[in-house]
Structure formats: C-alpha cells, structure tokens
Amino acid sequence: MRKFPNPVIVLGANVTALGLARILGKRGIDVYLAIDRKDDAIFSKYCKRSFIAAGMERDREILKDLLIKIGKSLTKRIVVYPTSDLNALYLSELKYDLPDDYHFVVGDKEPVEILVKKSKFYKALHRSGIHYPVTYFLEDMSDVRQIGSKITYPVFIRPSITEIFNQKFDHRKGFIAYSQRELIYYYRLTTRHNIEVMFQEIIPGPASNSYQLEGYYNKDHRPTVLFARQRLRIWPQGFGNTSLCVSIPLAKLIKEEEMINDFMRKIGYQGLMSAEFKKDPRDGILKLFEINARAWWYIWLSARCGADIVFSSYLDAIGEETDHVDEYETGVKSIWLRNDLMASGKAFLDGKLTFQGWIKSLRGVKQFTYFSRGDLSPFMMHCTTMVSQMLKPRRGSAKRIPKENTSGKK
C-alpha cells in the first residue's frame, strides 16, 4: 500500500469523523481527530491520536489555537476536514491565517457563508431561479404577524444556522408551529437567544421522496466526484436524519446535477458538497433544501460504492491529479441500525410497514455506521454508551408552549 506523507486532521466528535478516519486510514493516511469532548470515534484503530480542546466546536479562537498547537507537533503539511457547519465557517476564515501548515478542505469565506447561512442561501437560490420550499424572511414582529395571518399551517421555523439553534434547543433542527399563536411564541423564543429564523413551508410526502447529490468541487469549481443516494427512512420522523439510504444512478438526478454545477460555479465554491432535495407531490418538482459545505453522515457510502469523495478531495488538497468519477455501484444500502429500528417500529405502529416489507427493505445493506468487522472498538464503545444512557435517570422534559384554550373556558 502506498504511504501518503500528509496527515489528516478531522474536526469533530461524531459518526462522520469516524467515517472519515476509516476511509482515509484504509488508504494508509495518518488520521488525527480534534474534538471538544471524548467520543467513540477516538477508539478506531485508524485514529492515530486525538486532540481535545473544550469549546473548539463553538469558538473560533479556541479552534485557531488548537490548530497552531497541532501544526507545531506534526512535521508535514496537514489536510483539515470540518464535520460541522460552524467549523466550516471558522476554517473558511482561518485558512489564509495559517497557510504554511495546512491544506483546508473547505471553500473561501463568502461561498461557505452562502451555503451555511440559510438566509443567504435561499436568497441566492432565488436569484439563480432554483426551486426551494416557500420561505419567508423576517425583519421584526410586524412581519411575523402579517405573514402568520396568511400562511398555511403547520409551518417550519427554520434557523439560519442550524448548529447554533440545536446547541440552544436540545439538538433540534427547528420548531413546527401549528397556529399563529405558536408562530409568535417560537419567534420570540428564538430572538431572545439572538437566533435568526425564517418561516418555511413543509413539503409533504415520505422520506423516500428525498435525494442527496454529493461530491467534491476542486479549485476550478468543477466536480471531481459526484454520487447520488436516496433516503428510505429517517428518524425522528418529520425532520429527522437518515436511518436507511441507498445509492442510485446519477442519471436520476441529471437536471439537478447540471443545476448544482452551475450554482457552484456562480458562487465560486470549492470543497465537499452534499445537496438535499425533496420531491413535492403537489407539483412533482424536486426542491432544494440545503447544501452542506462539510463532511456529512453516510459520506462512507460513496467510498463503499467506488466513488470515493473523501479520497478525491485529499488528493486535490495535496496537489495531485484526480480522475473525474461519476460511475459507481448502485443499489447499495447504508443503515444506522439503532435509529432505523425506531423508525421501522413507528412505521409498524402507523400501519405503513409490514414485517415482510421491512425484511425486503434490508436487502442490499452492506454498510453500517459504527459497526465494522475490521474496526470493532468504536461499535463496542457506542453500545456501552447507549446502555449507560438508558440506565441514567431521566431529567425533566424541556418546557413546551402551553396548549391553546379551545374550550371557551378560562
């Protein structure tokens, strides 16, 4: 096996970091994890060492100091991967402050801000004529009252930067309002924490109507690798994360591919990219929800299918030529078993899934999140962590908005 001299630093303590460590470690690349707390990923045999700095996920200066420290301890130029939106933003600002020690797999500040900050993102989509869910931008409470009196409920209250929101509100992606009263309540709650939000229509339909187009864009803003997958189940239902997905032919998203390529050239983006679409059953149009400017869950599936987005980005970062890849194995499924069992159980209870249908849906599963025969320690530690969490006493649930009085009584 070829030995690559440039090591990798993965920022983040999560299953995405584990996936990156395994993809690159199997290629003979030294992988280090920079995290703000202990995580199951550090037990991977492909993790050479971990650096812990509390607060690096939320503080730009802490991250900068950590990178300077790591740079002094390693002799070769380091390739850096972000696994969170905030770290992608921070790196886009820091990449020119630390040019001698690092190759950053992240775009420049302006295009990264467009992708990460959804208020900028949807306005950019509008200028480009790209279909996206109907979204309302807010200035003050008068906008909230005016919009709230005419929109159709329920409506999704979407933060501009999801990561800041879920740090404040127990890892949620947003709030769902079922009335104008709830809309006003949640708006006041988010503005109290200085979180910018938008009101967005909810696209109906099952998880299987959702698709991801993923790849890496080089310094010329052109894709070196493109890959497509389809969601099959999510957890939690509604606005959860993928629990089961499958690789699909790129030809199924040919129009979306052309559209994303054109959009990336317009904004001048370089780096990892994962675009999420959902087909609207009301008009049959695939509408764009977001584009991640960082590594993501299930990035390992493209590598498993022969379209290795991560390795292509690594080669480009260190200045090596890469071939264009858009052909790969299809029908390969990846699963987060714990979450998918919960998603399947809910579908059973709702009468949307039979036992035979469930068994059939698992055919083609070749990739798991934590489990890997050649790297069992993260899976074992993950199971231990889950059991420990289940045995902990439950704390009081988060405060909810009071129900509206519909009885006429006071």
Protein backbone atom coordinates (compact mmCIF):
# COMPACT_ATOMS: atom_id res chain seq x y z
CA MET A 1 0.00 0.00 0.00
CA ARG A 2 1.22 3.49 -0.87
CA LYS A 3 2.13 5.62 2.13
CA PHE A 4 0.89 9.20 1.89
CA PRO A 5 3.07 11.70 3.75
CA ASN A 6 0.42 14.32 4.51
CA PRO A 7 -1.61 13.52 7.64
CA VAL A 8 -5.26 14.47 8.16
CA ILE A 9 -6.96 16.32 11.00
CA VAL A 10 -10.71 15.70 11.28
CA LEU A 11 -12.57 18.31 13.32
CA GLY A 12 -15.46 16.91 15.32
CA ALA A 13 -16.57 14.16 17.66
CA ASN A 14 -19.24 12.23 15.77
CA VAL A 15 -20.01 9.35 13.44
CA THR A 16 -18.94 11.49 10.47
CA ALA A 17 -15.45 11.79 11.96
CA LEU A 18 -15.36 8.00 12.36
CA GLY A 19 -16.33 7.55 8.71
CA LEU A 20 -13.57 9.89 7.54
CA ALA A 21 -11.00 8.15 9.73
CA ARG A 22 -11.90 4.76 8.28
CA ILE A 23 -11.98 5.92 4.64
CA LEU A 24 -8.60 7.64 4.81
CA GLY A 25 -6.97 5.27 7.31
CA LYS A 26 -7.59 2.33 4.99
CA ARG A 27 -5.66 4.26 2.34
CA GLY A 28 -2.58 4.37 4.57
CA ILE A 29 -3.10 8.01 5.61
CA ASP A 30 -2.43 9.04 9.20
CA VAL A 31 -5.64 10.42 10.71
CA TYR A 32 -5.92 12.56 13.86
CA LEU A 33 -9.15 13.71 15.50
CA ALA A 34 -9.56 17.17 17.03
CA ILE A 35 -12.54 17.10 19.39
CA ASP A 36 -14.06 19.08 22.24
CA ARG A 37 -15.08 16.01 24.26
CA LYS A 38 -14.40 12.29 24.42
CA ASP A 39 -16.12 10.35 21.67
CA ASP A 40 -16.49 6.76 20.42
CA ALA A 41 -14.64 7.65 17.19
CA ILE A 42 -11.31 8.04 19.01
CA PHE A 43 -11.27 4.27 19.68
CA SER A 44 -10.97 3.48 15.97
CA LYS A 45 -7.74 1.75 15.01
CA TYR A 46 -7.49 4.32 12.23
CA CYS A 47 -7.32 7.19 14.71
CA LYS A 48 -3.62 7.75 15.32
CA ARG A 49 -4.19 10.28 18.09
CA SER A 50 -6.88 12.64 19.38
CA PHE A 51 -6.51 16.27 20.47
CA ILE A 52 -9.12 17.55 22.90
CA ALA A 53 -9.94 21.25 23.29
CA ALA A 54 -13.21 22.07 25.06
CA GLY A 55 -15.18 24.69 23.17
CA MET A 56 -13.50 24.28 19.76
CA GLU A 57 -16.88 23.48 18.18
CA ARG A 58 -18.27 26.88 19.23
CA ASP A 59 -15.29 29.22 19.48
CA ARG A 60 -13.18 30.31 16.52
CA GLU A 61 -10.19 31.37 18.63
CA ILE A 62 -10.06 28.08 20.55
CA LEU A 63 -10.03 26.24 17.22
CA LYS A 64 -7.29 28.52 15.89
CA ASP A 65 -5.11 27.96 18.96
CA LEU A 66 -5.60 24.19 18.68
CA LEU A 67 -4.58 24.15 15.02
CA ILE A 68 -1.46 26.17 15.79
CA LYS A 69 -0.58 23.69 18.54
CA ILE A 70 -1.15 20.68 16.28
CA GLY A 71 0.85 22.29 13.48
CA LYS A 72 3.89 22.55 15.77
CA SER A 73 3.68 18.86 16.71
CA LEU A 74 3.44 17.48 13.15
CA THR A 75 6.18 17.96 10.58
CA LYS A 76 4.19 17.57 7.34
CA ARG A 77 1.51 19.85 5.94
CA ILE A 78 -1.84 18.73 7.32
CA VAL A 79 -5.13 18.26 5.46
CA VAL A 80 -8.06 19.50 7.56
CA TYR A 81 -11.70 18.35 7.29
CA PRO A 82 -14.63 20.04 9.06
CA THR A 83 -17.64 17.94 10.15
CA SER A 84 -19.82 20.80 11.42
CA ASP A 85 -21.25 23.96 9.89
CA LEU A 86 -19.58 26.25 12.40
CA ASN A 87 -16.17 24.69 11.90
CA ALA A 88 -16.59 25.03 8.14
CA LEU A 89 -17.27 28.73 8.68
CA TYR A 90 -14.33 29.13 11.06
CA LEU A 91 -11.95 27.34 8.69
CA SER A 92 -13.08 29.48 5.76
CA GLU A 93 -11.96 32.49 7.83
CA LEU A 94 -8.76 30.92 9.19
CA LYS A 95 -7.46 29.22 6.05
CA TYR A 96 -5.39 32.22 4.98
CA ASP A 97 -4.10 32.91 8.50
CA LEU A 98 -2.38 29.51 8.64
CA PRO A 99 -1.31 28.87 5.03
CA ASP A 100 2.04 27.20 5.63
CA ASP A 101 0.96 24.35 7.89
CA TYR A 102 -2.34 23.25 6.40
CA HIS A 103 -4.39 22.27 3.37
CA PHE A 104 -8.02 23.12 4.18
CA VAL A 105 -10.76 21.06 2.54
CA VAL A 106 -13.20 23.95 2.73
CA GLY A 107 -14.16 26.83 0.47
CA ASP A 108 -13.49 30.54 0.82
CA LYS A 109 -15.45 32.59 3.31
CA GLU A 110 -18.07 34.11 1.01
CA PRO A 111 -19.29 30.91 -0.75
CA VAL A 112 -19.18 28.95 2.53
CA GLU A 113 -21.33 31.60 4.21
CA ILE A 114 -23.83 31.34 1.38
CA LEU A 115 -24.19 27.60 1.94
CA VAL A 116 -24.11 27.60 5.75
CA LYS A 117 -26.26 30.66 6.48
CA LYS A 118 -29.66 29.68 5.15
CA SER A 119 -30.93 33.28 5.00
CA LYS A 120 -28.20 33.95 2.40
CA PHE A 121 -28.61 30.53 0.81
CA TYR A 122 -32.30 30.80 -0.10
CA LYS A 123 -31.85 34.32 -1.43
CA ALA A 124 -29.03 33.04 -3.64
CA LEU A 125 -31.28 30.21 -4.87
CA HIS A 126 -33.98 32.75 -5.69
CA ARG A 127 -31.55 34.83 -7.75
CA SER A 128 -30.46 31.68 -9.61
CA GLY A 129 -34.03 30.55 -10.34
CA ILE A 130 -33.67 27.31 -8.35
CA HIS A 131 -36.78 25.74 -6.82
CA TYR A 132 -36.87 25.60 -3.00
CA PRO A 133 -39.63 25.47 -0.35
CA VAL A 134 -41.58 28.72 0.04
CA THR A 135 -39.62 30.69 2.63
CA TYR A 136 -40.42 33.95 4.42
CA PHE A 137 -37.67 36.24 5.70
CA LEU A 138 -38.39 38.31 8.78
CA GLU A 139 -37.36 41.75 9.98
CA ASP A 140 -39.50 42.25 13.08
CA MET A 141 -42.69 41.24 14.87
CA SER A 142 -44.89 43.12 12.40
CA ASP A 143 -43.60 40.77 9.66
CA VAL A 144 -44.34 37.79 11.89
CA ARG A 145 -47.94 38.89 12.48
CA GLN A 146 -48.56 39.77 8.85
CA ILE A 147 -47.08 36.54 7.47
CA GLY A 148 -48.63 34.45 10.24
CA SER A 149 -52.12 35.64 9.33
CA LYS A 150 -51.93 34.38 5.74
CA ILE A 151 -49.70 31.27 5.64
CA THR A 152 -50.91 27.68 5.75
CA TYR A 153 -50.14 25.70 8.93
CA PRO A 154 -48.22 23.78 10.08
CA VAL A 155 -45.10 25.76 9.20
CA PHE A 156 -41.43 25.07 9.89
CA ILE A 157 -39.48 27.68 11.85
CA ARG A 158 -36.03 27.27 10.35
CA PRO A 159 -32.86 28.74 11.87
CA SER A 160 -30.36 30.44 9.59
CA ILE A 161 -27.55 28.35 11.14
CA THR A 162 -28.90 25.02 12.36
CA GLU A 163 -25.94 24.18 14.57
CA ILE A 164 -26.33 27.32 16.70
CA PHE A 165 -30.02 26.51 17.09
CA ASN A 166 -29.57 22.89 18.15
CA GLN A 167 -26.95 23.89 20.72
CA LYS A 168 -29.64 26.01 22.39
CA PHE A 169 -32.63 23.75 21.85
CA ASP A 170 -31.64 20.14 22.56
CA HIS A 171 -30.32 19.19 19.09
CA ARG A 172 -33.49 20.19 17.26
CA LYS A 173 -33.39 21.35 13.65
CA GLY A 174 -36.20 23.86 14.20
CA PHE A 175 -39.72 24.27 15.56
CA ILE A 176 -43.06 23.40 13.98
CA ALA A 177 -45.88 25.88 14.56
CA TYR A 178 -49.47 24.77 14.15
CA SER A 179 -51.05 28.20 14.66
CA GLN A 180 -50.23 31.89 14.57
CA ARG A 181 -50.05 31.90 18.36
CA GLU A 182 -47.33 29.22 18.31
CA LEU A 183 -45.55 31.04 15.49
CA ILE A 184 -45.29 34.21 17.58
CA TYR A 185 -44.26 32.25 20.67
CA TYR A 186 -41.40 30.45 18.91
CA TYR A 187 -40.25 33.60 17.14
CA ARG A 188 -39.96 35.42 20.47
CA LEU A 189 -38.18 32.42 21.98
CA THR A 190 -35.55 32.28 19.23
CA THR A 191 -34.97 36.05 19.07
CA ARG A 192 -34.46 36.03 22.84
CA HIS A 193 -31.39 33.86 22.10
CA ASN A 194 -30.33 36.10 19.16
CA ILE A 195 -31.02 33.31 16.66
CA GLU A 196 -32.11 34.35 13.18
CA VAL A 197 -35.01 32.28 11.85
CA MET A 198 -37.24 32.02 8.76
CA PHE A 199 -40.70 30.60 8.20
CA GLN A 200 -40.75 27.78 5.66
CA GLU A 201 -43.47 25.64 4.16
CA ILE A 202 -43.39 21.92 4.94
CA ILE A 203 -43.10 19.74 1.84
CA PRO A 204 -45.40 16.72 2.32
CA GLY A 205 -44.53 13.17 1.41
CA PRO A 206 -42.47 10.24 2.73
CA ALA A 207 -38.72 10.16 3.41
CA SER A 208 -38.23 8.20 0.18
CA ASN A 209 -39.05 11.38 -1.74
CA SER A 210 -35.73 12.82 -0.54
CA TYR A 211 -32.48 12.60 -2.51
CA GLN A 212 -28.87 13.62 -1.94
CA LEU A 213 -26.43 14.71 -4.64
CA GLU A 214 -22.91 14.67 -3.21
CA GLY A 215 -19.38 15.32 -4.38
CA TYR A 216 -16.21 17.36 -4.26
CA TYR A 217 -15.51 20.58 -6.19
CA ASN A 218 -11.91 21.42 -6.99
CA LYS A 219 -10.11 24.76 -7.18
CA ASP A 220 -11.63 25.35 -10.63
CA HIS A 221 -15.11 24.90 -9.07
CA ARG A 222 -15.66 21.70 -11.04
CA PRO A 223 -16.68 18.32 -9.58
CA THR A 224 -14.06 15.57 -9.45
CA VAL A 225 -16.55 13.05 -7.99
CA LEU A 226 -20.34 13.01 -7.98
CA PHE A 227 -22.59 10.50 -6.23
CA ALA A 228 -26.34 10.16 -5.64
CA ARG A 229 -28.36 8.41 -2.97
CA GLN A 230 -31.97 8.19 -1.87
CA ARG A 231 -33.35 8.27 1.62
CA LEU A 232 -35.55 5.32 2.56
CA ARG A 233 -36.25 6.02 6.23
CA ILE A 234 -35.48 8.77 8.73
CA TRP A 235 -35.54 9.17 12.50
CA PRO A 236 -37.14 11.05 14.18
CA GLN A 237 -39.99 11.27 11.71
CA GLY A 238 -40.69 14.59 10.07
CA PHE A 239 -37.38 16.43 10.38
CA GLY A 240 -35.00 13.66 11.38
CA ASN A 241 -31.79 12.27 9.97
CA THR A 242 -31.36 9.39 7.53
CA SER A 243 -31.52 5.94 9.11
CA LEU A 244 -31.55 3.93 5.85
CA CYS A 245 -30.46 5.04 2.38
CA VAL A 246 -29.43 3.53 -0.96
CA SER A 247 -27.07 4.50 -3.77
CA ILE A 248 -28.86 5.38 -7.00
CA PRO A 249 -27.68 6.15 -10.57
CA LEU A 250 -26.55 9.71 -11.08
CA ALA A 251 -28.81 9.79 -14.15
CA LYS A 252 -31.83 10.02 -11.84
CA LEU A 253 -30.67 13.49 -10.80
CA ILE A 254 -29.28 14.68 -14.13
CA LYS A 255 -31.17 18.01 -14.12
CA GLU A 256 -30.23 18.61 -10.51
CA GLU A 257 -26.59 17.81 -11.30
CA GLU A 258 -26.48 20.47 -14.02
CA MET A 259 -28.21 22.96 -11.74
CA ILE A 260 -25.85 22.38 -8.80
CA ASN A 261 -22.75 22.52 -11.03
CA ASP A 262 -23.90 25.87 -12.41
CA PHE A 263 -24.71 27.20 -8.93
CA MET A 264 -21.32 26.17 -7.54
CA ARG A 265 -19.54 27.94 -10.40
CA LYS A 266 -21.59 31.08 -9.82
CA ILE A 267 -20.71 31.34 -6.14
CA GLY A 268 -17.11 30.17 -6.66
CA TYR A 269 -17.26 27.20 -4.31
CA GLN A 270 -14.50 24.68 -3.67
CA GLY A 271 -14.82 21.78 -1.22
CA LEU A 272 -17.10 18.97 -0.12
CA MET A 273 -20.77 19.27 -1.06
CA SER A 274 -23.96 17.42 -0.17
CA ALA A 275 -27.19 18.82 -1.63
CA GLU A 276 -30.57 17.63 -0.33
CA PHE A 277 -33.69 17.65 -2.49
CA LYS A 278 -37.24 16.54 -1.83
CA LYS A 279 -39.87 15.84 -4.47
CA ASP A 280 -43.01 17.87 -3.87
CA PRO A 281 -46.01 15.62 -4.66
CA ARG A 282 -48.15 18.71 -5.30
CA ASP A 283 -46.24 19.74 -8.43
CA GLY A 284 -43.71 16.92 -8.99
CA ILE A 285 -40.72 19.29 -8.64
CA LEU A 286 -37.56 18.35 -6.75
CA LYS A 287 -36.95 21.28 -4.37
CA LEU A 288 -33.59 22.10 -2.84
CA PHE A 289 -33.44 22.26 0.95
CA GLU A 290 -29.75 22.74 1.69
CA ILE A 291 -26.17 22.19 0.56
CA ASN A 292 -23.67 21.09 3.21
CA ALA A 293 -20.21 22.65 2.96
CA ARG A 294 -18.58 19.96 5.13
CA ALA A 295 -18.38 16.20 5.61
CA TRP A 296 -21.71 14.53 6.43
CA TRP A 297 -23.32 11.33 7.70
CA TYR A 298 -23.16 8.49 5.15
CA ILE A 299 -20.20 10.00 3.32
CA TRP A 300 -18.75 6.49 3.66
CA LEU A 301 -21.38 5.08 1.28
CA SER A 302 -19.85 6.79 -1.75
CA ALA A 303 -16.46 5.27 -0.89
CA ARG A 304 -18.06 1.84 -0.48
CA CYS A 305 -19.64 2.16 -3.94
CA GLY A 306 -16.46 3.19 -5.73
CA ALA A 307 -16.94 6.97 -5.90
CA ASP A 308 -14.60 7.99 -3.09
CA ILE A 309 -15.41 11.65 -2.48
CA VAL A 310 -13.11 11.93 0.53
CA PHE A 311 -10.01 10.44 -1.10
CA SER A 312 -10.53 12.58 -4.20
CA SER A 313 -10.67 15.69 -2.00
CA TYR A 314 -7.48 14.59 -0.21
CA LEU A 315 -5.58 14.15 -3.47
CA ASP A 316 -6.73 17.53 -4.73
CA ALA A 317 -5.73 19.16 -1.44
CA ILE A 318 -2.14 17.88 -1.68
CA GLY A 319 -1.90 18.87 -5.34
CA GLU A 320 -2.24 15.51 -7.08
CA GLU A 321 -4.26 14.93 -10.24
CA THR A 322 -7.62 13.21 -9.84
CA ASP A 323 -9.84 11.50 -12.41
CA HIS A 324 -13.47 12.50 -12.80
CA VAL A 325 -15.73 9.82 -11.27
CA ASP A 326 -19.48 9.63 -11.84
CA GLU A 327 -19.96 5.87 -12.22
CA TYR A 328 -20.27 3.59 -9.20
CA GLU A 329 -22.15 0.63 -7.75
CA THR A 330 -25.85 1.29 -7.22
CA GLY A 331 -28.40 -0.44 -5.00
CA VAL A 332 -26.00 -0.47 -2.04
CA LYS A 333 -27.64 0.46 1.25
CA SER A 334 -26.25 2.01 4.41
CA ILE A 335 -28.01 1.84 7.77
CA TRP A 336 -27.85 3.35 11.24
CA LEU A 337 -29.35 0.28 12.87
CA ARG A 338 -30.41 1.80 16.20
CA ASN A 339 -32.23 4.72 14.57
CA ASP A 340 -33.68 2.55 11.83
CA LEU A 341 -35.20 0.14 14.33
CA MET A 342 -37.01 3.07 15.92
CA ALA A 343 -38.09 4.42 12.53
CA SER A 344 -39.32 0.96 11.47
CA GLY A 345 -41.14 0.46 14.77
CA LYS A 346 -43.02 3.73 14.33
CA ALA A 347 -43.89 2.77 10.75
CA PHE A 348 -45.25 -0.60 12.02
CA LEU A 349 -47.45 1.17 14.57
CA ASP A 350 -48.72 3.59 11.94
CA GLY A 351 -49.57 0.74 9.56
CA LYS A 352 -47.10 1.98 6.95
CA LEU A 353 -44.73 -1.00 7.09
CA THR A 354 -45.23 -4.76 7.28
CA PHE A 355 -42.75 -7.32 8.57
CA GLN A 356 -42.23 -8.63 5.04
CA GLY A 357 -41.73 -5.10 3.79
CA TRP A 358 -39.17 -4.45 6.50
CA ILE A 359 -37.19 -7.60 5.63
CA LYS A 360 -37.25 -6.63 1.96
CA SER A 361 -36.04 -3.11 2.76
CA LEU A 362 -32.91 -4.52 4.41
CA ARG A 363 -31.76 -6.35 1.29
CA GLY A 364 -28.68 -4.68 -0.09
CA VAL A 365 -27.42 -3.34 3.24
CA LYS A 366 -23.62 -3.53 3.03
CA GLN A 367 -22.57 -0.55 5.12
CA PHE A 368 -23.19 0.32 8.76
CA THR A 369 -22.48 3.44 10.78
CA TYR A 370 -20.49 2.25 13.79
CA PHE A 371 -20.16 -1.46 13.05
CA SER A 372 -17.16 -2.61 11.00
CA ARG A 373 -15.64 -6.11 11.21
CA GLY A 374 -12.15 -4.73 10.84
CA ASP A 375 -12.63 -1.94 13.36
CA LEU A 376 -14.89 -3.14 16.18
CA SER A 377 -13.82 -0.91 19.08
CA PRO A 378 -15.96 2.16 18.15
CA PHE A 379 -19.03 -0.08 17.83
CA MET A 380 -18.42 -1.69 21.21
CA MET A 381 -17.89 1.68 22.87
CA HIS A 382 -21.01 3.04 21.18
CA CYS A 383 -23.09 0.14 22.56
CA THR A 384 -21.63 0.74 26.03
CA THR A 385 -22.50 4.44 25.81
CA MET A 386 -26.08 3.69 24.74
CA VAL A 387 -26.61 1.27 27.63
CA SER A 388 -25.17 3.79 30.06
CA GLN A 389 -27.52 6.50 28.78
CA MET A 390 -30.52 4.19 29.07
CA LEU A 391 -29.70 3.47 32.72
CA LYS A 392 -29.34 7.14 33.67
CA PRO A 393 -32.29 8.74 35.49
CA ARG A 394 -34.35 10.89 33.15
CA ARG A 395 -34.36 14.60 33.81
CA GLY A 396 -37.42 16.76 33.45
CA SER A 397 -38.51 17.34 29.86
CA ALA A 398 -37.98 20.66 28.15
CA LYS A 399 -40.64 23.31 28.62
CA ARG A 400 -43.28 23.32 25.93
CA ILE A 401 -45.59 26.00 24.69
CA PRO A 402 -48.90 25.96 26.60
CA LYS A 403 -51.77 24.46 24.62
CA GLU A 404 -54.32 26.85 23.21
CA ASN A 405 -57.62 27.01 25.05
CA THR A 406 -60.20 25.81 22.55
CA SER A 407 -62.98 25.07 25.02
CA GLY A 408 -64.05 28.68 25.56
CA LYS A 409 -63.33 28.39 29.30
CA LYS A 410 -60.78 30.45 31.22
